[in-house]
Amino acid sequence: MTESKSPKDFTWGFATASYQIEGAYNEGGRANSIWDTFTHIPSKIADGSSGDVAMDSYHLWKEDI
């Protein structure tokens, strides 16, 4: 493995999609996304999973801060 170094002024960033972390797909007046609709169609997702709960940051946000 080759070691790699970032420049001293390099700033790391992070990103995610709300679908991956929020959960609570039918709460708080939130409308369904295309992924909500797609994952609820039987046989579209091999293991039947969805983002309905995901990481549940909608309910766990106080613990996340």
PDB file of N, CA and C in Angstrom:
ATOM      1  N   MET A   1       0.845  -1.182   0.000  1.00  0.00           N
ATOM      2  CA  MET A   1       0.000   0.000   0.000  1.00  0.00           C
ATOM      3  C   MET A   1       0.886   1.240   0.000  1.00  0.00           C
ATOM      4  N   THR A   2       0.521   2.229  -0.773  1.00  0.00           N
ATOM      5  CA  THR A   2       1.274   3.469  -0.871  1.00  0.00           C
ATOM      6  C   THR A   2       0.676   4.516   0.061  1.00  0.00           C
ATOM      7  N   GLU A   3       1.540   5.169   0.815  1.00  0.00           N
ATOM      8  CA  GLU A   3       1.065   6.221   1.715  1.00  0.00           C
ATOM      9  C   GLU A   3       0.782   7.475   0.901  1.00  0.00           C
ATOM     10  N   SER A   4      -0.305   8.135   1.238  1.00  0.00           N
ATOM     11  CA  SER A   4      -0.690   9.356   0.557  1.00  0.00           C
ATOM     12  C   SER A   4      -0.888  10.448   1.589  1.00  0.00           C
ATOM     13  N   LYS A   5      -0.376  11.636   1.304  1.00  0.00           N
ATOM     14  CA  LYS A   5      -0.528  12.757   2.231  1.00  0.00           C
ATOM     15  C   LYS A   5      -1.288  13.881   1.544  1.00  0.00           C
ATOM     16  N   SER A   6      -2.174  14.483   2.292  1.00  0.00           N
ATOM     17  CA  SER A   6      -2.937  15.618   1.780  1.00  0.00           C
ATOM     18  C   SER A   6      -2.165  16.898   2.047  1.00  0.00           C
ATOM     19  N   PRO A   7      -2.381  17.923   1.245  1.00  0.00           N
ATOM     20  CA  PRO A   7      -1.741  19.213   1.505  1.00  0.00           C
ATOM     21  C   PRO A   7      -2.153  19.747   2.883  1.00  0.00           C
ATOM     22  N   LYS A   8      -1.274  20.557   3.491  1.00  0.00           N
ATOM     23  CA  LYS A   8      -1.563  21.094   4.835  1.00  0.00           C
ATOM     24  C   LYS A   8      -2.848  21.901   4.874  1.00  0.00           C
ATOM     25  N   ASP A   9      -3.196  22.563   3.796  1.00  0.00           N
ATOM     26  CA  ASP A   9      -4.401  23.393   3.786  1.00  0.00           C
ATOM     27  C   ASP A   9      -5.647  22.641   3.302  1.00  0.00           C
ATOM     28  N   PHE A  10      -5.530  21.326   3.171  1.00  0.00           N
ATOM     29  CA  PHE A  10      -6.661  20.506   2.723  1.00  0.00           C
ATOM     30  C   PHE A  10      -7.737  20.453   3.805  1.00  0.00           C
ATOM     31  N   THR A  11      -8.982  20.631   3.426  1.00  0.00           N
ATOM     32  CA  THR A  11     -10.108  20.560   4.348  1.00  0.00           C
ATOM     33  C   THR A  11     -10.983  19.375   3.962  1.00  0.00           C
ATOM     34  N   TRP A  12     -11.199  18.487   4.928  1.00  0.00           N
ATOM     35  CA  TRP A  12     -12.077  17.345   4.697  1.00  0.00           C
ATOM     36  C   TRP A  12     -13.526  17.797   4.753  1.00  0.00           C
ATOM     37  N   GLY A  13     -14.352  17.189   3.954  1.00  0.00           N
ATOM     38  CA  GLY A  13     -15.780  17.469   3.971  1.00  0.00           C
ATOM     39  C   GLY A  13     -16.553  16.166   4.046  1.00  0.00           C
ATOM     40  N   PHE A  14     -17.778  16.266   4.422  1.00  0.00           N
ATOM     41  CA  PHE A  14     -18.631  15.087   4.540  1.00  0.00           C
ATOM     42  C   PHE A  14     -19.984  15.392   3.935  1.00  0.00           C
ATOM     43  N   ALA A  15     -20.602  14.377   3.390  1.00  0.00           N
ATOM     44  CA  ALA A  15     -21.919  14.553   2.797  1.00  0.00           C
ATOM     45  C   ALA A  15     -22.709  13.248   2.907  1.00  0.00           C
ATOM     46  N   THR A  16     -23.994  13.377   2.876  1.00  0.00           N
ATOM     47  CA  THR A  16     -24.876  12.221   2.846  1.00  0.00           C
ATOM     48  C   THR A  16     -26.195  12.668   2.230  1.00  0.00           C
ATOM     49  N   ALA A  17     -27.054  11.736   1.982  1.00  0.00           N
ATOM     50  CA  ALA A  17     -28.385  12.056   1.476  1.00  0.00           C
ATOM     51  C   ALA A  17     -29.393  11.858   2.602  1.00  0.00           C
ATOM     52  N   SER A  18     -30.391  12.700   2.662  1.00  0.00           N
ATOM     53  CA  SER A  18     -31.383  12.576   3.731  1.00  0.00           C
ATOM     54  C   SER A  18     -32.024  11.194   3.747  1.00  0.00           C
ATOM     55  N   TYR A  19     -32.219  10.603   2.577  1.00  0.00           N
ATOM     56  CA  TYR A  19     -32.831   9.272   2.513  1.00  0.00           C
ATOM     57  C   TYR A  19     -32.007   8.244   3.277  1.00  0.00           C
ATOM     58  N   GLN A  20     -30.684   8.423   3.292  1.00  0.00           N
ATOM     59  CA  GLN A  20     -29.794   7.471   3.953  1.00  0.00           C
ATOM     60  C   GLN A  20     -29.831   7.582   5.475  1.00  0.00           C
ATOM     61  N   ILE A  21     -30.203   8.728   6.008  1.00  0.00           N
ATOM     62  CA  ILE A  21     -30.085   8.909   7.452  1.00  0.00           C
ATOM     63  C   ILE A  21     -31.370   9.274   8.184  1.00  0.00           C
ATOM     64  N   GLU A  22     -32.290   9.956   7.544  1.00  0.00           N
ATOM     65  CA  GLU A  22     -33.428  10.512   8.267  1.00  0.00           C
ATOM     66  C   GLU A  22     -34.429   9.491   8.794  1.00  0.00           C
ATOM     67  N   GLY A  23     -34.890   8.597   7.948  1.00  0.00           N
ATOM     68  CA  GLY A  23     -35.992   7.735   8.352  1.00  0.00           C
ATOM     69  C   GLY A  23     -37.270   8.549   8.422  1.00  0.00           C
ATOM     70  N   ALA A  24     -38.222   8.110   9.230  1.00  0.00           N
ATOM     71  CA  ALA A  24     -39.484   8.842   9.438  1.00  0.00           C
ATOM     72  C   ALA A  24     -40.129   9.232   8.110  1.00  0.00           C
ATOM     73  N   TYR A  25     -40.221   8.280   7.200  1.00  0.00           N
ATOM     74  CA  TYR A  25     -40.683   8.596   5.841  1.00  0.00           C
ATOM     75  C   TYR A  25     -42.107   9.129   5.773  1.00  0.00           C
ATOM     76  N   ASN A  26     -42.923   8.872   6.784  1.00  0.00           N
ATOM     77  CA  ASN A  26     -44.324   9.327   6.729  1.00  0.00           C
ATOM     78  C   ASN A  26     -44.670  10.213   7.915  1.00  0.00           C
ATOM     79  N   GLU A  27     -43.710  10.981   8.395  1.00  0.00           N
ATOM     80  CA  GLU A  27     -43.945  11.854   9.550  1.00  0.00           C
ATOM     81  C   GLU A  27     -43.627  13.304   9.227  1.00  0.00           C
ATOM     82  N   GLY A  28     -44.145  14.201  10.025  1.00  0.00           N
ATOM     83  CA  GLY A  28     -43.808  15.612   9.941  1.00  0.00           C
ATOM     84  C   GLY A  28     -44.218  16.300   8.659  1.00  0.00           C
ATOM     85  N   GLY A  29     -45.199  15.749   7.960  1.00  0.00           N
ATOM     86  CA  GLY A  29     -45.659  16.376   6.726  1.00  0.00           C
ATOM     87  C   GLY A  29     -44.751  16.128   5.533  1.00  0.00           C
ATOM     88  N   ARG A  30     -43.792  15.255   5.689  1.00  0.00           N
ATOM     89  CA  ARG A  30     -42.858  14.959   4.606  1.00  0.00           C
ATOM     90  C   ARG A  30     -43.569  14.204   3.492  1.00  0.00           C
ATOM     91  N   ALA A  31     -43.358  14.633   2.263  1.00  0.00           N
ATOM     92  CA  ALA A  31     -43.924  13.945   1.099  1.00  0.00           C
ATOM     93  C   ALA A  31     -43.004  12.806   0.690  1.00  0.00           C
ATOM     94  N   ASN A  32     -43.547  11.788   0.049  1.00  0.00           N
ATOM     95  CA  ASN A  32     -42.744  10.665  -0.423  1.00  0.00           C
ATOM     96  C   ASN A  32     -41.774  11.116  -1.505  1.00  0.00           C
ATOM     97  N   SER A  33     -40.566  10.582  -1.429  1.00  0.00           N
ATOM     98  CA  SER A  33     -39.574  10.809  -2.484  1.00  0.00           C
ATOM     99  C   SER A  33     -39.722   9.692  -3.515  1.00  0.00           C
ATOM    100  N   ILE A  34     -39.017   9.807  -4.606  1.00  0.00           N
ATOM    101  CA  ILE A  34     -39.042   8.754  -5.616  1.00  0.00           C
ATOM    102  C   ILE A  34     -38.532   7.448  -5.028  1.00  0.00           C
ATOM    103  N   TRP A  35     -37.549   7.524  -4.106  1.00  0.00           N
ATOM    104  CA  TRP A  35     -37.011   6.318  -3.467  1.00  0.00           C
ATOM    105  C   TRP A  35     -38.027   5.690  -2.526  1.00  0.00           C
ATOM    106  N   ASP A  36     -38.787   6.507  -1.808  1.00  0.00           N
ATOM    107  CA  ASP A  36     -39.844   5.955  -0.951  1.00  0.00           C
ATOM    108  C   ASP A  36     -40.815   5.138  -1.800  1.00  0.00           C
ATOM    109  N   THR A  37     -41.235   5.715  -2.892  1.00  0.00           N
ATOM    110  CA  THR A  37     -42.182   5.049  -3.783  1.00  0.00           C
ATOM    111  C   THR A  37     -41.577   3.769  -4.372  1.00  0.00           C
ATOM    112  N   PHE A  38     -40.367   3.876  -4.890  1.00  0.00           N
ATOM    113  CA  PHE A  38     -39.713   2.737  -5.546  1.00  0.00           C
ATOM    114  C   PHE A  38     -39.491   1.573  -4.583  1.00  0.00           C
ATOM    115  N   THR A  39     -38.984   1.854  -3.380  1.00  0.00           N
ATOM    116  CA  THR A  39     -38.661   0.764  -2.456  1.00  0.00           C
ATOM    117  C   THR A  39     -39.891   0.084  -1.874  1.00  0.00           C
ATOM    118  N   HIS A  40     -41.061   0.687  -2.041  1.00  0.00           N
ATOM    119  CA  HIS A  40     -42.286   0.064  -1.555  1.00  0.00           C
ATOM    120  C   HIS A  40     -42.977  -0.789  -2.623  1.00  0.00           C
ATOM    121  N   ILE A  41     -42.380  -0.865  -3.802  1.00  0.00           N
ATOM    122  CA  ILE A  41     -42.908  -1.742  -4.856  1.00  0.00           C
ATOM    123  C   ILE A  41     -42.318  -3.131  -4.628  1.00  0.00           C
ATOM    124  N   PRO A  42     -43.159  -4.133  -4.392  1.00  0.00           N
ATOM    125  CA  PRO A  42     -42.654  -5.487  -4.136  1.00  0.00           C
ATOM    126  C   PRO A  42     -41.680  -5.955  -5.226  1.00  0.00           C
ATOM    127  N   SER A  43     -40.607  -6.583  -4.809  1.00  0.00           N
ATOM    128  CA  SER A  43     -39.558  -7.188  -5.635  1.00  0.00           C
ATOM    129  C   SER A  43     -38.593  -6.196  -6.286  1.00  0.00           C
ATOM    130  N   LYS A  44     -38.746  -4.909  -6.064  1.00  0.00           N
ATOM    131  CA  LYS A  44     -37.810  -3.945  -6.655  1.00  0.00           C
ATOM    132  C   LYS A  44     -36.485  -3.928  -5.914  1.00  0.00           C
ATOM    133  N   ILE A  45     -36.500  -4.190  -4.613  1.00  0.00           N
ATOM    134  CA  ILE A  45     -35.281  -4.242  -3.804  1.00  0.00           C
ATOM    135  C   ILE A  45     -35.131  -5.691  -3.334  1.00  0.00           C
ATOM    136  N   ALA A  46     -34.002  -6.309  -3.657  1.00  0.00           N
ATOM    137  CA  ALA A  46     -33.807  -7.748  -3.429  1.00  0.00           C
ATOM    138  C   ALA A  46     -34.145  -8.173  -2.004  1.00  0.00           C
ATOM    139  N   ASP A  47     -33.688  -7.433  -1.004  1.00  0.00           N
ATOM    140  CA  ASP A  47     -33.934  -7.852   0.374  1.00  0.00           C
ATOM    141  C   ASP A  47     -35.147  -7.152   1.003  1.00  0.00           C
ATOM    142  N   GLY A  48     -35.846  -6.348   0.211  1.00  0.00           N
ATOM    143  CA  GLY A  48     -37.051  -5.683   0.692  1.00  0.00           C
ATOM    144  C   GLY A  48     -36.803  -4.496   1.602  1.00  0.00           C
ATOM    145  N   SER A  49     -35.555  -4.068   1.729  1.00  0.00           N
ATOM    146  CA  SER A  49     -35.245  -2.958   2.624  1.00  0.00           C
ATOM    147  C   SER A  49     -35.690  -1.623   2.027  1.00  0.00           C
ATOM    148  N   SER A  50     -35.759  -0.625   2.876  1.00  0.00           N
ATOM    149  CA  SER A  50     -36.132   0.727   2.449  1.00  0.00           C
ATOM    150  C   SER A  50     -35.488   1.718   3.409  1.00  0.00           C
ATOM    151  N   GLY A  51     -35.717   2.980   3.159  1.00  0.00           N
ATOM    152  CA  GLY A  51     -35.209   4.026   4.047  1.00  0.00           C
ATOM    153  C   GLY A  51     -36.242   4.475   5.059  1.00  0.00           C
ATOM    154  N   ASP A  52     -37.270   3.663   5.279  1.00  0.00           N
ATOM    155  CA  ASP A  52     -38.342   4.057   6.198  1.00  0.00           C
ATOM    156  C   ASP A  52     -37.822   4.445   7.577  1.00  0.00           C
ATOM    157  N   VAL A  53     -36.848   3.707   8.056  1.00  0.00           N
ATOM    158  CA  VAL A  53     -36.247   4.020   9.359  1.00  0.00           C
ATOM    159  C   VAL A  53     -34.826   4.559   9.166  1.00  0.00           C
ATOM    160  N   ALA A  54     -34.080   3.977   8.249  1.00  0.00           N
ATOM    161  CA  ALA A  54     -32.691   4.374   7.955  1.00  0.00           C
ATOM    162  C   ALA A  54     -31.895   4.475   9.258  1.00  0.00           C
ATOM    163  N   MET A  55     -31.144   5.546   9.442  1.00  0.00           N
ATOM    164  CA  MET A  55     -30.390   5.741  10.689  1.00  0.00           C
ATOM    165  C   MET A  55     -31.257   6.427  11.752  1.00  0.00           C
ATOM    166  N   ASP A  56     -32.452   6.808  11.379  1.00  0.00           N
ATOM    167  CA  ASP A  56     -33.462   7.407  12.263  1.00  0.00           C
ATOM    168  C   ASP A  56     -33.039   8.727  12.891  1.00  0.00           C
ATOM    169  N   SER A  57     -32.258   9.527  12.164  1.00  0.00           N
ATOM    170  CA  SER A  57     -31.837  10.818  12.713  1.00  0.00           C
ATOM    171  C   SER A  57     -33.010  11.767  12.928  1.00  0.00           C
ATOM    172  N   TYR A  58     -34.133  11.513  12.277  1.00  0.00           N
ATOM    173  CA  TYR A  58     -35.326  12.336  12.507  1.00  0.00           C
ATOM    174  C   TYR A  58     -35.713  12.290  13.982  1.00  0.00           C
ATOM    175  N   HIS A  59     -35.603  11.111  14.593  1.00  0.00           N
ATOM    176  CA  HIS A  59     -35.950  10.959  16.005  1.00  0.00           C
ATOM    177  C   HIS A  59     -34.745  11.060  16.934  1.00  0.00           C
ATOM    178  N   LEU A  60     -33.556  10.781  16.432  1.00  0.00           N
ATOM    179  CA  LEU A  60     -32.359  10.724  17.271  1.00  0.00           C
ATOM    180  C   LEU A  60     -31.464  11.953  17.148  1.00  0.00           C
ATOM    181  N   TRP A  61     -31.968  13.037  16.576  1.00  0.00           N
ATOM    182  CA  TRP A  61     -31.121  14.187  16.304  1.00  0.00           C
ATOM    183  C   TRP A  61     -30.465  14.767  17.550  1.00  0.00           C
ATOM    184  N   LYS A  62     -31.132  14.722  18.687  1.00  0.00           N
ATOM    185  CA  LYS A  62     -30.506  15.264  19.905  1.00  0.00           C
ATOM    186  C   LYS A  62     -29.272  14.455  20.293  1.00  0.00           C
ATOM    187  N   GLU A  63     -29.325  13.154  20.101  1.00  0.00           N
ATOM    188  CA  GLU A  63     -28.181  12.298  20.403  1.00  0.00           C
ATOM    189  C   GLU A  63     -27.060  12.487  19.379  1.00  0.00           C
ATOM    190  N   ASP A  64     -27.408  12.884  18.172  1.00  0.00           N
ATOM    191  CA  ASP A  64     -26.428  13.045  17.121  1.00  0.00           C
ATOM    192  C   ASP A  64     -25.606  14.335  17.268  1.00  0.00           C
ATOM    193  N   ILE A  65     -26.149  15.302  17.968  1.00  0.00           N
ATOM    194  CA  ILE A  65     -25.452  16.610  18.102  1.00  0.00           C
ATOM    195  C   ILE A  65     -24.437  16.551  19.212  1.00  0.00           C
TER     196      ILE A  65
END
